[in-house]
Amino acid sequence: MENNPKNLAPVTVVISEIVLSTRVKEYETWVSGINQVVANFKGFLGVDVIRPRDSNHLEYVVIVRFDTYQNLDNWQKSQLSKKWLEKSQHMVERQSHSMQVTGLELWFTLPKNTHVQNRPPAYYKQVLIGIMAVYPLVLLVNMLLAPILISVPYLFGVFLSVIAISMLMTYPVMPWLTRRLNTWLYPANRNKK
């Protein structure tokens, strides 16, 4: 198991929780605290918190990245992790669900059927979808930002383009595209309906 190259690849955990409307401030404090604690663990690469856009649907998505599965596992099995997760139980309406991903599958919307939840699409399909999403976005962003990009240094202009493309890829482009191509990406899901 330890010699498996996949166990040595960076790994991401996506955690989704619906927070009680009366506990939002408390949850925000908790998120800040647990992020400071996890940052001290070996192999920690970073954390992103996507806050709710709609006050009627208080879903927080927390994305935690570690350099290897083993270091992630060490964090998840630690007493500190268990202690912090227990602290949040009374703040959430719906308990978190999490998914561990190791590559591009972070951008793929998985079908509702649970039997395929941990199986990403074939690599070549991920690459083709990536091309279908990235190429039009590069053209669009460069066209829309052209007036700005001309007046800034080249590397800064590329940086601005990458930010815009990454934001659009994460939402709404990839979720929309993967829902539209669901039966091609997850043929096993179609066969078991």
C-alpha atoms as a PDB file:
ATOM      1  CA  MET A   1       0.000   0.000   0.000  1.00  0.00           C
ATOM      2  CA  GLU A   2       2.731   2.527   0.871  1.00  0.00           C
ATOM      3  CA  ASN A   3       4.530   1.965  -2.454  1.00  0.00           C
ATOM      4  CA  ASN A   4       1.440   2.834  -4.437  1.00  0.00           C
ATOM      5  CA  PRO A   5       2.232   6.121  -6.307  1.00  0.00           C
ATOM      6  CA  LYS A   6      -1.351   7.294  -5.746  1.00  0.00           C
ATOM      7  CA  ASN A   7      -0.696   7.289  -1.981  1.00  0.00           C
ATOM      8  CA  LEU A   8       2.214   9.687  -2.563  1.00  0.00           C
ATOM      9  CA  ALA A   9       0.216  12.141  -4.702  1.00  0.00           C
ATOM     10  CA  PRO A  10      -1.352  15.282  -3.254  1.00  0.00           C
ATOM     11  CA  VAL A  11      -4.861  14.653  -1.955  1.00  0.00           C
ATOM     12  CA  THR A  12      -7.816  16.964  -1.424  1.00  0.00           C
ATOM     13  CA  VAL A  13     -10.775  16.538   0.910  1.00  0.00           C
ATOM     14  CA  VAL A  14     -13.984  18.398   0.152  1.00  0.00           C
ATOM     15  CA  ILE A  15     -16.327  18.856   3.116  1.00  0.00           C
ATOM     16  CA  SER A  16     -19.830  20.244   2.731  1.00  0.00           C
ATOM     17  CA  GLU A  17     -22.015  21.297   5.679  1.00  0.00           C
ATOM     18  CA  ILE A  18     -25.327  23.086   6.057  1.00  0.00           C
ATOM     19  CA  VAL A  19     -24.976  25.442   9.011  1.00  0.00           C
ATOM     20  CA  LEU A  20     -27.860  26.403  11.298  1.00  0.00           C
ATOM     21  CA  SER A  21     -28.865  30.037  10.747  1.00  0.00           C
ATOM     22  CA  THR A  22     -28.505  30.767  14.471  1.00  0.00           C
ATOM     23  CA  ARG A  23     -24.926  29.412  14.547  1.00  0.00           C
ATOM     24  CA  VAL A  24     -23.253  31.150  11.588  1.00  0.00           C
ATOM     25  CA  LYS A  25     -21.001  33.442  13.688  1.00  0.00           C
ATOM     26  CA  GLU A  26     -20.014  30.539  15.937  1.00  0.00           C
ATOM     27  CA  TYR A  27     -19.307  28.372  12.872  1.00  0.00           C
ATOM     28  CA  GLU A  28     -17.130  31.104  11.338  1.00  0.00           C
ATOM     29  CA  THR A  29     -15.075  31.200  14.565  1.00  0.00           C
ATOM     30  CA  TRP A  30     -14.814  27.400  14.495  1.00  0.00           C
ATOM     31  CA  VAL A  31     -13.661  27.404  10.854  1.00  0.00           C
ATOM     32  CA  SER A  32     -10.948  29.926  11.674  1.00  0.00           C
ATOM     33  CA  GLY A  33      -9.785  27.874  14.667  1.00  0.00           C
ATOM     34  CA  ILE A  34      -9.667  24.487  12.938  1.00  0.00           C
ATOM     35  CA  ASN A  35      -7.843  26.021   9.965  1.00  0.00           C
ATOM     36  CA  GLN A  36      -5.108  27.308  12.293  1.00  0.00           C
ATOM     37  CA  VAL A  37      -4.788  23.873  13.912  1.00  0.00           C
ATOM     38  CA  VAL A  38      -4.662  21.853  10.665  1.00  0.00           C
ATOM     39  CA  ALA A  39      -2.060  24.263   9.229  1.00  0.00           C
ATOM     40  CA  ASN A  40       0.436  22.948  11.800  1.00  0.00           C
ATOM     41  CA  PHE A  41       0.152  19.337  10.631  1.00  0.00           C
ATOM     42  CA  LYS A  42       2.863  17.728   8.499  1.00  0.00           C
ATOM     43  CA  GLY A  43       2.087  17.804   4.791  1.00  0.00           C
ATOM     44  CA  PHE A  44      -0.629  20.463   4.988  1.00  0.00           C
ATOM     45  CA  LEU A  45      -0.782  22.390   1.689  1.00  0.00           C
ATOM     46  CA  GLY A  46      -3.719  24.713   2.179  1.00  0.00           C
ATOM     47  CA  VAL A  47      -7.395  25.212   2.847  1.00  0.00           C
ATOM     48  CA  ASP A  48     -10.119  27.114   1.010  1.00  0.00           C
ATOM     49  CA  VAL A  49     -13.506  27.976   2.455  1.00  0.00           C
ATOM     50  CA  ILE A  50     -16.374  28.650   0.071  1.00  0.00           C
ATOM     51  CA  ARG A  51     -19.002  30.554   1.979  1.00  0.00           C
ATOM     52  CA  PRO A  52     -22.733  30.512   1.212  1.00  0.00           C
ATOM     53  CA  ARG A  53     -23.974  32.788  -1.555  1.00  0.00           C
ATOM     54  CA  ASP A  54     -27.573  32.473  -0.429  1.00  0.00           C
ATOM     55  CA  SER A  55     -28.673  33.316   3.130  1.00  0.00           C
ATOM     56  CA  ASN A  56     -31.521  30.795   2.753  1.00  0.00           C
ATOM     57  CA  HIS A  57     -29.096  27.946   2.022  1.00  0.00           C
ATOM     58  CA  LEU A  58     -26.168  28.167   4.433  1.00  0.00           C
ATOM     59  CA  GLU A  59     -23.883  25.593   2.831  1.00  0.00           C
ATOM     60  CA  TYR A  60     -20.189  25.914   3.587  1.00  0.00           C
ATOM     61  CA  VAL A  61     -17.705  23.997   1.480  1.00  0.00           C
ATOM     62  CA  VAL A  62     -14.243  23.484   2.955  1.00  0.00           C
ATOM     63  CA  ILE A  63     -11.450  22.216   0.688  1.00  0.00           C
ATOM     64  CA  VAL A  64      -8.392  20.873   2.524  1.00  0.00           C
ATOM     65  CA  ARG A  65      -5.217  19.804   0.700  1.00  0.00           C
ATOM     66  CA  PHE A  66      -2.372  17.586   1.932  1.00  0.00           C
ATOM     67  CA  ASP A  67       0.780  16.483   0.134  1.00  0.00           C
ATOM     68  CA  THR A  68       0.100  12.737   0.619  1.00  0.00           C
ATOM     69  CA  TYR A  69      -2.747  10.486   1.660  1.00  0.00           C
ATOM     70  CA  GLN A  70      -0.704   9.326   4.674  1.00  0.00           C
ATOM     71  CA  ASN A  71      -0.367  12.872   6.037  1.00  0.00           C
ATOM     72  CA  LEU A  72      -4.083  13.487   5.492  1.00  0.00           C
ATOM     73  CA  ASP A  73      -4.846  10.217   7.283  1.00  0.00           C
ATOM     74  CA  ASN A  74      -2.624  11.266  10.201  1.00  0.00           C
ATOM     75  CA  TRP A  75      -4.622  14.492  10.522  1.00  0.00           C
ATOM     76  CA  GLN A  76      -8.002  12.758  10.266  1.00  0.00           C
ATOM     77  CA  LYS A  77      -7.074  10.166  12.906  1.00  0.00           C
ATOM     78  CA  SER A  78      -5.522  12.683  15.293  1.00  0.00           C
ATOM     79  CA  GLN A  79      -7.153  13.565  18.600  1.00  0.00           C
ATOM     80  CA  LEU A  80      -7.067  17.258  17.630  1.00  0.00           C
ATOM     81  CA  SER A  81      -9.073  16.581  14.480  1.00  0.00           C
ATOM     82  CA  LYS A  82     -11.654  14.523  16.363  1.00  0.00           C
ATOM     83  CA  LYS A  83     -11.908  17.165  19.097  1.00  0.00           C
ATOM     84  CA  TRP A  84     -12.454  19.999  16.606  1.00  0.00           C
ATOM     85  CA  LEU A  85     -15.003  18.041  14.575  1.00  0.00           C
ATOM     86  CA  GLU A  86     -16.990  17.271  17.725  1.00  0.00           C
ATOM     87  CA  LYS A  87     -17.128  21.010  18.493  1.00  0.00           C
ATOM     88  CA  SER A  88     -19.041  21.690  15.271  1.00  0.00           C
ATOM     89  CA  GLN A  89     -21.749  19.030  15.656  1.00  0.00           C
ATOM     90  CA  HIS A  90     -24.318  21.354  17.276  1.00  0.00           C
ATOM     91  CA  MET A  91     -23.754  24.054  14.621  1.00  0.00           C
ATOM     92  CA  VAL A  92     -24.776  22.079  11.551  1.00  0.00           C
ATOM     93  CA  GLU A  93     -28.213  21.179  10.292  1.00  0.00           C
ATOM     94  CA  ARG A  94     -26.955  18.462   7.988  1.00  0.00           C
ATOM     95  CA  GLN A  95     -23.793  16.583   8.800  1.00  0.00           C
ATOM     96  CA  SER A  96     -20.865  16.969   6.492  1.00  0.00           C
ATOM     97  CA  HIS A  97     -20.108  14.636   3.685  1.00  0.00           C
ATOM     98  CA  SER A  98     -16.617  14.451   2.375  1.00  0.00           C
ATOM     99  CA  MET A  99     -14.905  13.193  -0.708  1.00  0.00           C
ATOM    100  CA  GLN A 100     -11.205  12.609  -1.194  1.00  0.00           C
ATOM    101  CA  VAL A 101      -9.848  13.425  -4.603  1.00  0.00           C
ATOM    102  CA  THR A 102      -6.352  13.361  -5.990  1.00  0.00           C
ATOM    103  CA  GLY A 103      -6.546  15.136  -9.336  1.00  0.00           C
ATOM    104  CA  LEU A 104      -8.834  16.948 -11.745  1.00  0.00           C
ATOM    105  CA  GLU A 105     -11.864  15.115 -10.392  1.00  0.00           C
ATOM    106  CA  LEU A 106     -12.284  17.971  -7.895  1.00  0.00           C
ATOM    107  CA  TRP A 107     -13.900  19.879 -10.784  1.00  0.00           C
ATOM    108  CA  PHE A 108     -16.282  17.073 -11.698  1.00  0.00           C
ATOM    109  CA  THR A 109     -19.858  16.997 -10.431  1.00  0.00           C
ATOM    110  CA  LEU A 110     -20.517  13.436  -9.355  1.00  0.00           C
ATOM    111  CA  PRO A 111     -23.886  11.812 -10.016  1.00  0.00           C
ATOM    112  CA  LYS A 112     -26.335  11.395  -7.149  1.00  0.00           C
ATOM    113  CA  ASN A 113     -26.033   7.592  -7.176  1.00  0.00           C
ATOM    114  CA  THR A 114     -23.791   6.644  -4.263  1.00  0.00           C
ATOM    115  CA  HIS A 115     -22.240   3.541  -5.828  1.00  0.00           C
ATOM    116  CA  VAL A 116     -20.029   5.688  -8.057  1.00  0.00           C
ATOM    117  CA  GLN A 117     -19.279   8.473  -5.572  1.00  0.00           C
ATOM    118  CA  ASN A 118     -15.608   7.540  -5.191  1.00  0.00           C
ATOM    119  CA  ARG A 119     -14.875   6.694  -8.817  1.00  0.00           C
ATOM    120  CA  PRO A 120     -13.801   9.604 -11.016  1.00  0.00           C
ATOM    121  CA  PRO A 121     -14.269   9.525 -14.782  1.00  0.00           C
ATOM    122  CA  ALA A 122     -11.576   7.930 -16.942  1.00  0.00           C
ATOM    123  CA  TYR A 123      -8.471  10.101 -17.265  1.00  0.00           C
ATOM    124  CA  TYR A 124      -8.887  10.670 -21.023  1.00  0.00           C
ATOM    125  CA  LYS A 125     -12.453  11.885 -20.406  1.00  0.00           C
ATOM    126  CA  GLN A 126     -11.196  14.339 -17.768  1.00  0.00           C
ATOM    127  CA  VAL A 127      -8.636  15.667 -20.261  1.00  0.00           C
ATOM    128  CA  LEU A 128     -11.219  16.049 -23.053  1.00  0.00           C
ATOM    129  CA  ILE A 129     -13.666  17.860 -20.748  1.00  0.00           C
ATOM    130  CA  GLY A 130     -10.815  20.073 -19.549  1.00  0.00           C
ATOM    131  CA  ILE A 131      -9.999  21.060 -23.126  1.00  0.00           C
ATOM    132  CA  MET A 132     -13.680  21.675 -23.891  1.00  0.00           C
ATOM    133  CA  ALA A 133     -13.882  24.002 -20.886  1.00  0.00           C
ATOM    134  CA  VAL A 134     -10.491  25.721 -20.976  1.00  0.00           C
ATOM    135  CA  TYR A 135     -10.151  26.588 -24.680  1.00  0.00           C
ATOM    136  CA  PRO A 136     -13.360  28.670 -24.949  1.00  0.00           C
ATOM    137  CA  LEU A 137     -12.639  30.276 -21.571  1.00  0.00           C
ATOM    138  CA  VAL A 138      -9.141  31.326 -22.630  1.00  0.00           C
ATOM    139  CA  LEU A 139     -10.559  32.930 -25.786  1.00  0.00           C
ATOM    140  CA  LEU A 140     -13.409  34.607 -23.897  1.00  0.00           C
ATOM    141  CA  VAL A 141     -11.318  35.907 -20.994  1.00  0.00           C
ATOM    142  CA  ASN A 142      -8.556  37.200 -23.255  1.00  0.00           C
ATOM    143  CA  MET A 143     -11.129  38.977 -25.424  1.00  0.00           C
ATOM    144  CA  LEU A 144     -12.947  40.529 -22.442  1.00  0.00           C
ATOM    145  CA  LEU A 145      -9.756  41.504 -20.606  1.00  0.00           C
ATOM    146  CA  ALA A 146      -7.872  42.685 -23.716  1.00  0.00           C
ATOM    147  CA  PRO A 147      -8.171  46.408 -22.848  1.00  0.00           C
ATOM    148  CA  ILE A 148      -6.734  45.736 -19.385  1.00  0.00           C
ATOM    149  CA  LEU A 149      -4.116  43.201 -20.489  1.00  0.00           C
ATOM    150  CA  ILE A 150      -2.572  45.627 -22.990  1.00  0.00           C
ATOM    151  CA  SER A 151      -1.821  48.169 -20.274  1.00  0.00           C
ATOM    152  CA  VAL A 152      -0.236  45.842 -17.684  1.00  0.00           C
ATOM    153  CA  PRO A 153       3.029  43.870 -17.673  1.00  0.00           C
ATOM    154  CA  TYR A 154       2.761  40.551 -19.533  1.00  0.00           C
ATOM    155  CA  LEU A 155       3.211  38.249 -16.502  1.00  0.00           C
ATOM    156  CA  PHE A 156       0.652  40.190 -14.470  1.00  0.00           C
ATOM    157  CA  GLY A 157      -1.778  39.978 -17.401  1.00  0.00           C
ATOM    158  CA  VAL A 158      -1.322  36.200 -17.560  1.00  0.00           C
ATOM    159  CA  PHE A 159      -1.910  36.050 -13.802  1.00  0.00           C
ATOM    160  CA  LEU A 160      -5.197  37.993 -14.161  1.00  0.00           C
ATOM    161  CA  SER A 161      -6.301  35.656 -16.959  1.00  0.00           C
ATOM    162  CA  VAL A 162      -5.514  32.566 -14.877  1.00  0.00           C
ATOM    163  CA  ILE A 163      -7.528  33.914 -11.940  1.00  0.00           C
ATOM    164  CA  ALA A 164     -10.556  34.616 -14.140  1.00  0.00           C
ATOM    165  CA  ILE A 165     -10.357  31.242 -15.915  1.00  0.00           C
ATOM    166  CA  SER A 166      -9.917  29.306 -12.649  1.00  0.00           C
ATOM    167  CA  MET A 167     -12.908  31.042 -11.073  1.00  0.00           C
ATOM    168  CA  LEU A 168     -15.112  30.335 -14.092  1.00  0.00           C
ATOM    169  CA  MET A 169     -13.893  26.723 -14.348  1.00  0.00           C
ATOM    170  CA  THR A 170     -14.739  25.996 -10.732  1.00  0.00           C
ATOM    171  CA  TYR A 171     -18.165  27.577 -11.005  1.00  0.00           C
ATOM    172  CA  PRO A 172     -20.221  27.587 -13.222  1.00  0.00           C
ATOM    173  CA  VAL A 173     -18.457  25.960 -16.219  1.00  0.00           C
ATOM    174  CA  MET A 174     -17.275  22.573 -14.923  1.00  0.00           C
ATOM    175  CA  PRO A 175     -20.372  21.770 -12.826  1.00  0.00           C
ATOM    176  CA  TRP A 176     -22.598  22.673 -15.804  1.00  0.00           C
ATOM    177  CA  LEU A 177     -20.489  20.747 -18.321  1.00  0.00           C
ATOM    178  CA  THR A 178     -20.185  17.615 -16.191  1.00  0.00           C
ATOM    179  CA  ARG A 179     -23.936  17.545 -15.537  1.00  0.00           C
ATOM    180  CA  ARG A 180     -24.606  17.808 -19.290  1.00  0.00           C
ATOM    181  CA  LEU A 181     -22.166  14.985 -20.077  1.00  0.00           C
ATOM    182  CA  ASN A 182     -23.045  12.856 -17.042  1.00  0.00           C
ATOM    183  CA  THR A 183     -23.984   9.687 -18.958  1.00  0.00           C
ATOM    184  CA  TRP A 184     -20.749   9.781 -20.987  1.00  0.00           C
ATOM    185  CA  LEU A 185     -18.556  10.462 -17.944  1.00  0.00           C
ATOM    186  CA  TYR A 186     -20.278   7.871 -15.728  1.00  0.00           C
ATOM    187  CA  PRO A 187     -21.654   5.116 -17.986  1.00  0.00           C
ATOM    188  CA  ALA A 188     -21.914   2.678 -15.028  1.00  0.00           C
ATOM    189  CA  ASN A 189     -24.333   5.101 -13.387  1.00  0.00           C
ATOM    190  CA  ARG A 190     -26.621   5.014 -16.469  1.00  0.00           C
ATOM    191  CA  ASN A 191     -26.534   1.209 -16.653  1.00  0.00           C
ATOM    192  CA  LYS A 192     -27.585   0.748 -13.012  1.00  0.00           C
ATOM    193  CA  LYS A 193     -30.618   3.069 -13.067  1.00  0.00           C
END
